[in-house]
Amino acid sequence: MDRKNSDEKEIQQLRNRFHDLAEKSFQQGIFTFTGFLGLSQQDIFWQEESKLSHARYKLEGGYEGADRIVVRFGDPEELGYQVPFPIVCIRIAPLAQKFAEELSHRDFLGALMNLGIDRSTLGDIKVGENQAYLFCLDAIADFICQHLSQVKHTHVKCSLTQETGELPGEEPTPATIQVQSLRADAVLAKVYNLSREKSLELFRGGKVYINGRLCENNSRQLKMGETVNARGHGKFTLVGEPSKTRKGKLAAQVAIYQ
């Protein structure tokens, strides 16, 4: 089977999974959950959303603004009870900070994947000062705490925590940009200092998501509060109403996440 057919099969399997979970929740009056969904998987969900909404759903990633999210089907008011999302947070820290290497998101993710863990059980990993906060499904948490003992050459300890405080890297950097319009390609190019052609390549390559949905329309006008995620560059949110400059451009406020 070639790559294209394989991808199409996986997409169809994911669509079927969404429908199965929604129907199970609706017919049996219970809560059902997906695993963690990446941006491309979230886009498949949004494509099917109108056919799934009868089951009522909610999205959660463990903290506000999470990139990877879990979908829960079922409405607490209709079902008459509440079931929390099966998401927990694990703090991964060096046993000896002074001997720790400088560890990146890729290092932590690589160490986790080397344990043979399914990616759908893992949410976001927030990294800072050689430690990380990992959001994951509760079913895999004990396994991770027991078996993740080393990241690169650094020995680490894992512990469940509810005290995430200020998550590393979550404080956005505010910036003001000047653009001719709020076209998605123009704003993206300005935020990341890209040429118009480079910006267009991101849209053509299916690498731009707006509020979790794939955006291939580079001329789409951005709205206040929308979050743009450009693979390979990062994400930013358009905040505040733009104002006109003396030269007729728009001065827009953005919050850029590192």
C-alpha atoms as a PDB file:
ATOM      1  CA  MET A   1       0.000   0.000   0.000  1.00  0.00           C
ATOM      2  CA  ASP A   2       1.463   3.369  -0.979  1.00  0.00           C
ATOM      3  CA  ARG A   3       1.764   6.322   1.404  1.00  0.00           C
ATOM      4  CA  LYS A   4      -1.271   8.181   0.011  1.00  0.00           C
ATOM      5  CA  ASN A   5      -3.589   5.190   0.359  1.00  0.00           C
ATOM      6  CA  SER A   6      -2.203   4.504   3.828  1.00  0.00           C
ATOM      7  CA  ASP A   7      -2.893   8.089   4.920  1.00  0.00           C
ATOM      8  CA  GLU A   8      -6.423   7.971   3.503  1.00  0.00           C
ATOM      9  CA  LYS A   9      -7.076   4.729   5.355  1.00  0.00           C
ATOM     10  CA  GLU A  10      -5.880   6.245   8.638  1.00  0.00           C
ATOM     11  CA  ILE A  11      -8.058   9.318   8.099  1.00  0.00           C
ATOM     12  CA  GLN A  12     -11.113   7.166   7.445  1.00  0.00           C
ATOM     13  CA  GLN A  13     -10.373   5.079  10.530  1.00  0.00           C
ATOM     14  CA  LEU A  14     -10.215   8.269  12.590  1.00  0.00           C
ATOM     15  CA  ARG A  15     -13.527   9.498  11.163  1.00  0.00           C
ATOM     16  CA  ASN A  16     -15.102   6.144  12.024  1.00  0.00           C
ATOM     17  CA  ARG A  17     -13.652   6.331  15.531  1.00  0.00           C
ATOM     18  CA  PHE A  18     -15.229   9.751  16.116  1.00  0.00           C
ATOM     19  CA  HIS A  19     -18.621   8.498  14.952  1.00  0.00           C
ATOM     20  CA  ASP A  20     -18.396   5.313  17.021  1.00  0.00           C
ATOM     21  CA  LEU A  21     -17.585   7.262  20.191  1.00  0.00           C
ATOM     22  CA  ALA A  22     -20.322   9.825  19.549  1.00  0.00           C
ATOM     23  CA  GLU A  23     -22.952   7.135  18.910  1.00  0.00           C
ATOM     24  CA  LYS A  24     -21.891   5.108  21.930  1.00  0.00           C
ATOM     25  CA  SER A  25     -22.228   8.174  24.143  1.00  0.00           C
ATOM     26  CA  PHE A  26     -25.573   9.177  22.642  1.00  0.00           C
ATOM     27  CA  GLN A  27     -27.155   5.711  22.604  1.00  0.00           C
ATOM     28  CA  GLN A  28     -25.874   4.444  25.961  1.00  0.00           C
ATOM     29  CA  GLY A  29     -25.971   7.705  27.906  1.00  0.00           C
ATOM     30  CA  ILE A  30     -22.325   7.583  28.930  1.00  0.00           C
ATOM     31  CA  PHE A  31     -19.213   9.699  28.484  1.00  0.00           C
ATOM     32  CA  THR A  32     -16.675   8.595  25.868  1.00  0.00           C
ATOM     33  CA  PHE A  33     -13.239  10.015  25.140  1.00  0.00           C
ATOM     34  CA  THR A  34     -10.787  10.146  22.270  1.00  0.00           C
ATOM     35  CA  GLY A  35      -7.065   9.990  22.819  1.00  0.00           C
ATOM     36  CA  PHE A  36      -5.008  13.158  22.420  1.00  0.00           C
ATOM     37  CA  LEU A  37      -5.425  14.679  18.971  1.00  0.00           C
ATOM     38  CA  GLY A  38      -2.769  16.642  17.104  1.00  0.00           C
ATOM     39  CA  LEU A  39      -3.636  19.553  14.824  1.00  0.00           C
ATOM     40  CA  SER A  40      -4.202  17.454  11.692  1.00  0.00           C
ATOM     41  CA  GLN A  41      -6.443  15.075  13.652  1.00  0.00           C
ATOM     42  CA  GLN A  42      -8.363  17.983  15.148  1.00  0.00           C
ATOM     43  CA  ASP A  43      -9.018  19.224  11.638  1.00  0.00           C
ATOM     44  CA  ILE A  44     -10.610  15.857  10.780  1.00  0.00           C
ATOM     45  CA  PHE A  45     -12.805  16.247  13.862  1.00  0.00           C
ATOM     46  CA  TRP A  46     -13.938  19.708  12.762  1.00  0.00           C
ATOM     47  CA  GLN A  47     -14.732  18.360   9.293  1.00  0.00           C
ATOM     48  CA  GLU A  48     -17.078  15.847  10.933  1.00  0.00           C
ATOM     49  CA  GLU A  49     -18.328  18.149  13.696  1.00  0.00           C
ATOM     50  CA  SER A  50     -21.823  18.772  12.273  1.00  0.00           C
ATOM     51  CA  LYS A  51     -22.436  15.003  12.202  1.00  0.00           C
ATOM     52  CA  LEU A  52     -21.170  14.540  15.761  1.00  0.00           C
ATOM     53  CA  SER A  53     -22.727  17.478  17.587  1.00  0.00           C
ATOM     54  CA  HIS A  54     -25.879  15.533  18.562  1.00  0.00           C
ATOM     55  CA  ALA A  55     -23.730  13.718  21.123  1.00  0.00           C
ATOM     56  CA  ARG A  56     -22.564  17.025  22.639  1.00  0.00           C
ATOM     57  CA  TYR A  57     -18.835  17.369  23.081  1.00  0.00           C
ATOM     58  CA  LYS A  58     -16.154  19.290  24.917  1.00  0.00           C
ATOM     59  CA  LEU A  59     -12.448  19.761  24.186  1.00  0.00           C
ATOM     60  CA  GLU A  60      -9.713  19.750  26.825  1.00  0.00           C
ATOM     61  CA  GLY A  61      -5.943  19.483  26.839  1.00  0.00           C
ATOM     62  CA  GLY A  62      -5.123  19.801  30.542  1.00  0.00           C
ATOM     63  CA  TYR A  63      -4.591  23.563  30.513  1.00  0.00           C
ATOM     64  CA  GLU A  64      -5.868  26.590  28.631  1.00  0.00           C
ATOM     65  CA  GLY A  65      -4.426  26.948  25.146  1.00  0.00           C
ATOM     66  CA  ALA A  66      -3.171  23.355  24.809  1.00  0.00           C
ATOM     67  CA  ASP A  67      -2.185  22.282  21.298  1.00  0.00           C
ATOM     68  CA  ARG A  68      -3.017  18.601  21.733  1.00  0.00           C
ATOM     69  CA  ILE A  69      -6.541  17.988  23.009  1.00  0.00           C
ATOM     70  CA  VAL A  70      -8.948  15.209  24.000  1.00  0.00           C
ATOM     71  CA  VAL A  71     -12.587  15.217  22.869  1.00  0.00           C
ATOM     72  CA  ARG A  72     -15.241  14.117  25.374  1.00  0.00           C
ATOM     73  CA  PHE A  73     -18.656  13.127  24.078  1.00  0.00           C
ATOM     74  CA  GLY A  74     -21.564  13.486  26.497  1.00  0.00           C
ATOM     75  CA  ASP A  75     -23.350  16.376  28.220  1.00  0.00           C
ATOM     76  CA  PRO A  76     -23.261  16.434  32.068  1.00  0.00           C
ATOM     77  CA  GLU A  77     -26.603  18.252  32.214  1.00  0.00           C
ATOM     78  CA  GLU A  78     -28.349  15.698  30.017  1.00  0.00           C
ATOM     79  CA  LEU A  79     -26.665  12.676  31.623  1.00  0.00           C
ATOM     80  CA  GLY A  80     -27.147  13.959  35.153  1.00  0.00           C
ATOM     81  CA  TYR A  81     -23.603  13.279  36.318  1.00  0.00           C
ATOM     82  CA  GLN A  82     -20.049  14.424  35.669  1.00  0.00           C
ATOM     83  CA  VAL A  83     -16.945  12.547  34.585  1.00  0.00           C
ATOM     84  CA  PRO A  84     -13.666  14.483  34.444  1.00  0.00           C
ATOM     85  CA  PHE A  85     -11.288  14.247  31.536  1.00  0.00           C
ATOM     86  CA  PRO A  86      -8.777  11.401  32.045  1.00  0.00           C
ATOM     87  CA  ILE A  87      -5.851  13.822  31.857  1.00  0.00           C
ATOM     88  CA  VAL A  88      -3.099  14.120  34.458  1.00  0.00           C
ATOM     89  CA  CYS A  89       0.162  16.050  34.631  1.00  0.00           C
ATOM     90  CA  ILE A  90       3.576  14.532  35.311  1.00  0.00           C
ATOM     91  CA  ARG A  91       6.571  16.604  36.358  1.00  0.00           C
ATOM     92  CA  ILE A  92       9.810  15.250  34.882  1.00  0.00           C
ATOM     93  CA  ALA A  93      12.869  16.671  36.643  1.00  0.00           C
ATOM     94  CA  PRO A  94      16.608  15.817  36.816  1.00  0.00           C
ATOM     95  CA  LEU A  95      17.771  13.837  39.830  1.00  0.00           C
ATOM     96  CA  ALA A  96      20.682  16.264  40.103  1.00  0.00           C
ATOM     97  CA  GLN A  97      20.058  19.650  38.524  1.00  0.00           C
ATOM     98  CA  LYS A  98      23.721  20.671  38.491  1.00  0.00           C
ATOM     99  CA  PHE A  99      24.637  17.649  36.352  1.00  0.00           C
ATOM    100  CA  ALA A 100      21.668  17.972  34.001  1.00  0.00           C
ATOM    101  CA  GLU A 101      22.062  18.581  30.280  1.00  0.00           C
ATOM    102  CA  GLU A 102      20.103  21.252  28.461  1.00  0.00           C
ATOM    103  CA  LEU A 103      17.025  19.282  27.449  1.00  0.00           C
ATOM    104  CA  SER A 104      14.563  20.193  24.691  1.00  0.00           C
ATOM    105  CA  HIS A 105      10.992  19.228  23.870  1.00  0.00           C
ATOM    106  CA  ARG A 106      12.387  16.777  21.288  1.00  0.00           C
ATOM    107  CA  ASP A 107      14.583  15.145  23.940  1.00  0.00           C
ATOM    108  CA  PHE A 108      11.669  14.538  26.319  1.00  0.00           C
ATOM    109  CA  LEU A 109       9.364  13.320  23.542  1.00  0.00           C
ATOM    110  CA  GLY A 110      12.049  11.019  22.150  1.00  0.00           C
ATOM    111  CA  ALA A 111      12.628   9.444  25.566  1.00  0.00           C
ATOM    112  CA  LEU A 112       8.900   8.840  25.965  1.00  0.00           C
ATOM    113  CA  MET A 113       8.490   7.342  22.500  1.00  0.00           C
ATOM    114  CA  ASN A 114      11.442   5.019  23.184  1.00  0.00           C
ATOM    115  CA  LEU A 115       9.288   3.435  25.886  1.00  0.00           C
ATOM    116  CA  GLY A 116       6.935   2.228  23.148  1.00  0.00           C
ATOM    117  CA  ILE A 117       4.128   4.572  24.185  1.00  0.00           C
ATOM    118  CA  ASP A 118       1.309   5.356  21.753  1.00  0.00           C
ATOM    119  CA  ARG A 119       1.434   9.050  20.807  1.00  0.00           C
ATOM    120  CA  SER A 120      -2.321   9.361  21.383  1.00  0.00           C
ATOM    121  CA  THR A 121      -1.766   8.870  25.124  1.00  0.00           C
ATOM    122  CA  LEU A 122       0.491  11.937  25.300  1.00  0.00           C
ATOM    123  CA  GLY A 123      -0.565  15.561  25.281  1.00  0.00           C
ATOM    124  CA  ASP A 124       1.588  18.676  25.400  1.00  0.00           C
ATOM    125  CA  ILE A 125       5.049  18.760  26.932  1.00  0.00           C
ATOM    126  CA  LYS A 126       5.988  22.120  28.438  1.00  0.00           C
ATOM    127  CA  VAL A 127       9.745  22.450  28.889  1.00  0.00           C
ATOM    128  CA  GLY A 128      11.743  24.886  30.990  1.00  0.00           C
ATOM    129  CA  GLU A 129      15.000  24.837  32.995  1.00  0.00           C
ATOM    130  CA  ASN A 130      15.743  21.200  32.103  1.00  0.00           C
ATOM    131  CA  GLN A 131      12.466  19.974  33.541  1.00  0.00           C
ATOM    132  CA  ALA A 132       9.166  19.321  31.835  1.00  0.00           C
ATOM    133  CA  TYR A 133       5.472  19.095  32.573  1.00  0.00           C
ATOM    134  CA  LEU A 134       3.859  16.295  30.594  1.00  0.00           C
ATOM    135  CA  PHE A 135       0.091  16.069  30.117  1.00  0.00           C
ATOM    136  CA  CYS A 136      -1.019  12.504  29.451  1.00  0.00           C
ATOM    137  CA  LEU A 137      -3.900  10.069  29.836  1.00  0.00           C
ATOM    138  CA  ASP A 138      -4.216   8.777  33.389  1.00  0.00           C
ATOM    139  CA  ALA A 139      -4.090   5.166  32.144  1.00  0.00           C
ATOM    140  CA  ILE A 140      -0.451   5.554  31.066  1.00  0.00           C
ATOM    141  CA  ALA A 141       0.764   7.757  33.937  1.00  0.00           C
ATOM    142  CA  ASP A 142       1.955   5.005  36.298  1.00  0.00           C
ATOM    143  CA  PHE A 143       3.858   3.292  33.486  1.00  0.00           C
ATOM    144  CA  ILE A 144       5.664   6.542  32.659  1.00  0.00           C
ATOM    145  CA  CYS A 145       6.505   7.264  36.299  1.00  0.00           C
ATOM    146  CA  GLN A 146       7.907   3.758  36.721  1.00  0.00           C
ATOM    147  CA  HIS A 147       9.861   3.456  33.483  1.00  0.00           C
ATOM    148  CA  LEU A 148      11.031   6.933  32.417  1.00  0.00           C
ATOM    149  CA  SER A 149      14.316   7.268  34.251  1.00  0.00           C
ATOM    150  CA  GLN A 150      16.588   8.946  31.713  1.00  0.00           C
ATOM    151  CA  VAL A 151      16.355  11.691  29.075  1.00  0.00           C
ATOM    152  CA  LYS A 152      19.471  11.708  26.865  1.00  0.00           C
ATOM    153  CA  HIS A 153      22.231  11.195  29.467  1.00  0.00           C
ATOM    154  CA  THR A 154      20.351  12.890  32.303  1.00  0.00           C
ATOM    155  CA  HIS A 155      18.747  10.748  34.991  1.00  0.00           C
ATOM    156  CA  VAL A 156      15.270  11.999  35.865  1.00  0.00           C
ATOM    157  CA  LYS A 157      12.447  11.369  38.292  1.00  0.00           C
ATOM    158  CA  CYS A 158       8.756  11.539  37.421  1.00  0.00           C
ATOM    159  CA  SER A 159       5.930  12.464  39.756  1.00  0.00           C
ATOM    160  CA  LEU A 160       2.256  13.270  39.358  1.00  0.00           C
ATOM    161  CA  THR A 161       1.493  16.886  40.162  1.00  0.00           C
ATOM    162  CA  GLN A 162      -1.452  19.239  40.326  1.00  0.00           C
ATOM    163  CA  GLU A 163       0.752  22.255  41.013  1.00  0.00           C
ATOM    164  CA  THR A 164       1.698  23.291  37.507  1.00  0.00           C
ATOM    165  CA  GLY A 165       1.762  26.973  38.422  1.00  0.00           C
ATOM    166  CA  GLU A 166       3.123  29.056  35.588  1.00  0.00           C
ATOM    167  CA  LEU A 167       3.796  26.499  32.892  1.00  0.00           C
ATOM    168  CA  PRO A 168       7.194  26.929  31.183  1.00  0.00           C
ATOM    169  CA  GLY A 169       6.986  28.840  27.934  1.00  0.00           C
ATOM    170  CA  GLU A 170       3.320  29.668  28.361  1.00  0.00           C
ATOM    171  CA  GLU A 171       3.736  33.407  28.898  1.00  0.00           C
ATOM    172  CA  PRO A 172       3.363  34.921  25.417  1.00  0.00           C
ATOM    173  CA  THR A 173       5.487  37.747  24.108  1.00  0.00           C
ATOM    174  CA  PRO A 174       3.358  40.772  23.146  1.00  0.00           C
ATOM    175  CA  ALA A 175       4.177  42.522  19.885  1.00  0.00           C
ATOM    176  CA  THR A 176       2.722  45.154  17.580  1.00  0.00           C
ATOM    177  CA  ILE A 177       2.855  44.603  13.839  1.00  0.00           C
ATOM    178  CA  GLN A 178       1.834  46.821  10.928  1.00  0.00           C
ATOM    179  CA  VAL A 179       0.059  45.245   7.969  1.00  0.00           C
ATOM    180  CA  GLN A 180      -2.069  46.406   5.048  1.00  0.00           C
ATOM    181  CA  SER A 181      -4.905  44.092   6.126  1.00  0.00           C
ATOM    182  CA  LEU A 182      -5.620  41.234   8.497  1.00  0.00           C
ATOM    183  CA  ARG A 183      -5.167  38.633   5.758  1.00  0.00           C
ATOM    184  CA  ALA A 184      -3.825  35.470   7.349  1.00  0.00           C
ATOM    185  CA  ASP A 185      -0.785  35.288   5.059  1.00  0.00           C
ATOM    186  CA  ALA A 186       0.129  38.942   5.635  1.00  0.00           C
ATOM    187  CA  VAL A 187      -0.117  38.696   9.425  1.00  0.00           C
ATOM    188  CA  LEU A 188       1.770  35.391   9.549  1.00  0.00           C
ATOM    189  CA  ALA A 189       4.548  36.748   7.334  1.00  0.00           C
ATOM    190  CA  LYS A 190       4.928  39.825   9.533  1.00  0.00           C
ATOM    191  CA  VAL A 191       4.932  37.914  12.823  1.00  0.00           C
ATOM    192  CA  TYR A 192       7.647  35.494  11.679  1.00  0.00           C
ATOM    193  CA  ASN A 193       9.500  37.898   9.352  1.00  0.00           C
ATOM    194  CA  LEU A 194       8.819  35.770   6.270  1.00  0.00           C
ATOM    195  CA  SER A 195       8.583  36.736   2.637  1.00  0.00           C
ATOM    196  CA  ARG A 196       5.169  36.579   1.005  1.00  0.00           C
ATOM    197  CA  GLU A 197       6.259  33.502  -0.959  1.00  0.00           C
ATOM    198  CA  LYS A 198       7.458  31.685   2.167  1.00  0.00           C
ATOM    199  CA  SER A 199       4.177  32.501   3.893  1.00  0.00           C
ATOM    200  CA  LEU A 200       2.202  31.162   0.927  1.00  0.00           C
ATOM    201  CA  GLU A 201       4.245  27.950   0.975  1.00  0.00           C
ATOM    202  CA  LEU A 202       3.039  27.254   4.512  1.00  0.00           C
ATOM    203  CA  PHE A 203      -0.583  27.521   3.400  1.00  0.00           C
ATOM    204  CA  ARG A 204      -0.020  25.451   0.276  1.00  0.00           C
ATOM    205  CA  GLY A 205       1.787  22.817   2.322  1.00  0.00           C
ATOM    206  CA  GLY A 206      -1.107  22.419   4.765  1.00  0.00           C
ATOM    207  CA  LYS A 207       0.938  23.719   7.676  1.00  0.00           C
ATOM    208  CA  VAL A 208      -1.310  26.533   8.932  1.00  0.00           C
ATOM    209  CA  TYR A 209      -4.107  25.968  11.424  1.00  0.00           C
ATOM    210  CA  ILE A 210      -6.474  28.585  12.792  1.00  0.00           C
ATOM    211  CA  ASN A 211      -8.216  27.654  16.048  1.00  0.00           C
ATOM    212  CA  GLY A 212      -7.320  24.023  15.408  1.00  0.00           C
ATOM    213  CA  ARG A 213      -8.674  23.915  11.857  1.00  0.00           C
ATOM    214  CA  LEU A 214      -6.556  23.577   8.747  1.00  0.00           C
ATOM    215  CA  CYS A 215      -6.537  26.814   6.752  1.00  0.00           C
ATOM    216  CA  GLU A 216      -5.622  26.649   3.072  1.00  0.00           C
ATOM    217  CA  ASN A 217      -7.183  30.029   2.264  1.00  0.00           C
ATOM    218  CA  ASN A 218      -4.266  32.405   2.695  1.00  0.00           C
ATOM    219  CA  SER A 219      -6.487  35.467   2.072  1.00  0.00           C
ATOM    220  CA  ARG A 220      -8.795  34.615   4.992  1.00  0.00           C
ATOM    221  CA  GLN A 221      -9.308  37.581   7.283  1.00  0.00           C
ATOM    222  CA  LEU A 222      -8.228  36.953  10.861  1.00  0.00           C
ATOM    223  CA  LYS A 223     -10.565  37.861  13.697  1.00  0.00           C
ATOM    224  CA  MET A 224      -9.762  39.063  17.171  1.00  0.00           C
ATOM    225  CA  GLY A 225      -8.944  36.205  19.558  1.00  0.00           C
ATOM    226  CA  GLU A 226      -8.086  33.698  16.845  1.00  0.00           C
ATOM    227  CA  THR A 227      -4.961  31.604  17.314  1.00  0.00           C
ATOM    228  CA  VAL A 228      -2.749  30.746  14.346  1.00  0.00           C
ATOM    229  CA  ASN A 229      -0.422  27.755  14.509  1.00  0.00           C
ATOM    230  CA  ALA A 230       2.200  27.524  11.772  1.00  0.00           C
ATOM    231  CA  ARG A 231       4.105  24.252  11.865  1.00  0.00           C
ATOM    232  CA  GLY A 232       7.812  24.799  12.206  1.00  0.00           C
ATOM    233  CA  HIS A 233       7.390  28.366  13.437  1.00  0.00           C
ATOM    234  CA  GLY A 234       5.060  28.414  16.447  1.00  0.00           C
ATOM    235  CA  LYS A 235       1.748  30.002  17.250  1.00  0.00           C
ATOM    236  CA  PHE A 236       0.326  33.430  17.960  1.00  0.00           C
ATOM    237  CA  THR A 237      -2.995  34.978  18.889  1.00  0.00           C
ATOM    238  CA  LEU A 238      -4.443  38.183  17.452  1.00  0.00           C
ATOM    239  CA  VAL A 239      -5.448  40.322  20.421  1.00  0.00           C
ATOM    240  CA  GLY A 240      -7.101  43.733  20.666  1.00  0.00           C
ATOM    241  CA  GLU A 241      -8.739  45.771  17.942  1.00  0.00           C
ATOM    242  CA  PRO A 242      -6.313  47.043  15.265  1.00  0.00           C
ATOM    243  CA  SER A 243      -5.852  50.764  14.815  1.00  0.00           C
ATOM    244  CA  LYS A 244      -4.967  52.721  11.681  1.00  0.00           C
ATOM    245  CA  THR A 245      -1.587  54.357  11.367  1.00  0.00           C
ATOM    246  CA  ARG A 246      -0.977  57.705   9.710  1.00  0.00           C
ATOM    247  CA  LYS A 247       0.156  55.868   6.595  1.00  0.00           C
ATOM    248  CA  GLY A 248      -3.090  53.928   6.382  1.00  0.00           C
ATOM    249  CA  LYS A 249      -1.768  50.611   7.642  1.00  0.00           C
ATOM    250  CA  LEU A 250      -3.257  48.551  10.454  1.00  0.00           C
ATOM    251  CA  ALA A 251      -1.378  48.326  13.743  1.00  0.00           C
ATOM    252  CA  ALA A 252      -2.337  44.959  15.250  1.00  0.00           C
ATOM    253  CA  GLN A 253      -1.476  43.486  18.629  1.00  0.00           C
ATOM    254  CA  VAL A 254      -0.343  39.848  18.731  1.00  0.00           C
ATOM    255  CA  ALA A 255       0.684  37.489  21.510  1.00  0.00           C
ATOM    256  CA  ILE A 256       3.481  35.203  20.306  1.00  0.00           C
ATOM    257  CA  TYR A 257       4.047  31.850  22.014  1.00  0.00           C
ATOM    258  CA  GLN A 258       7.574  30.482  22.016  1.00  0.00           C
END
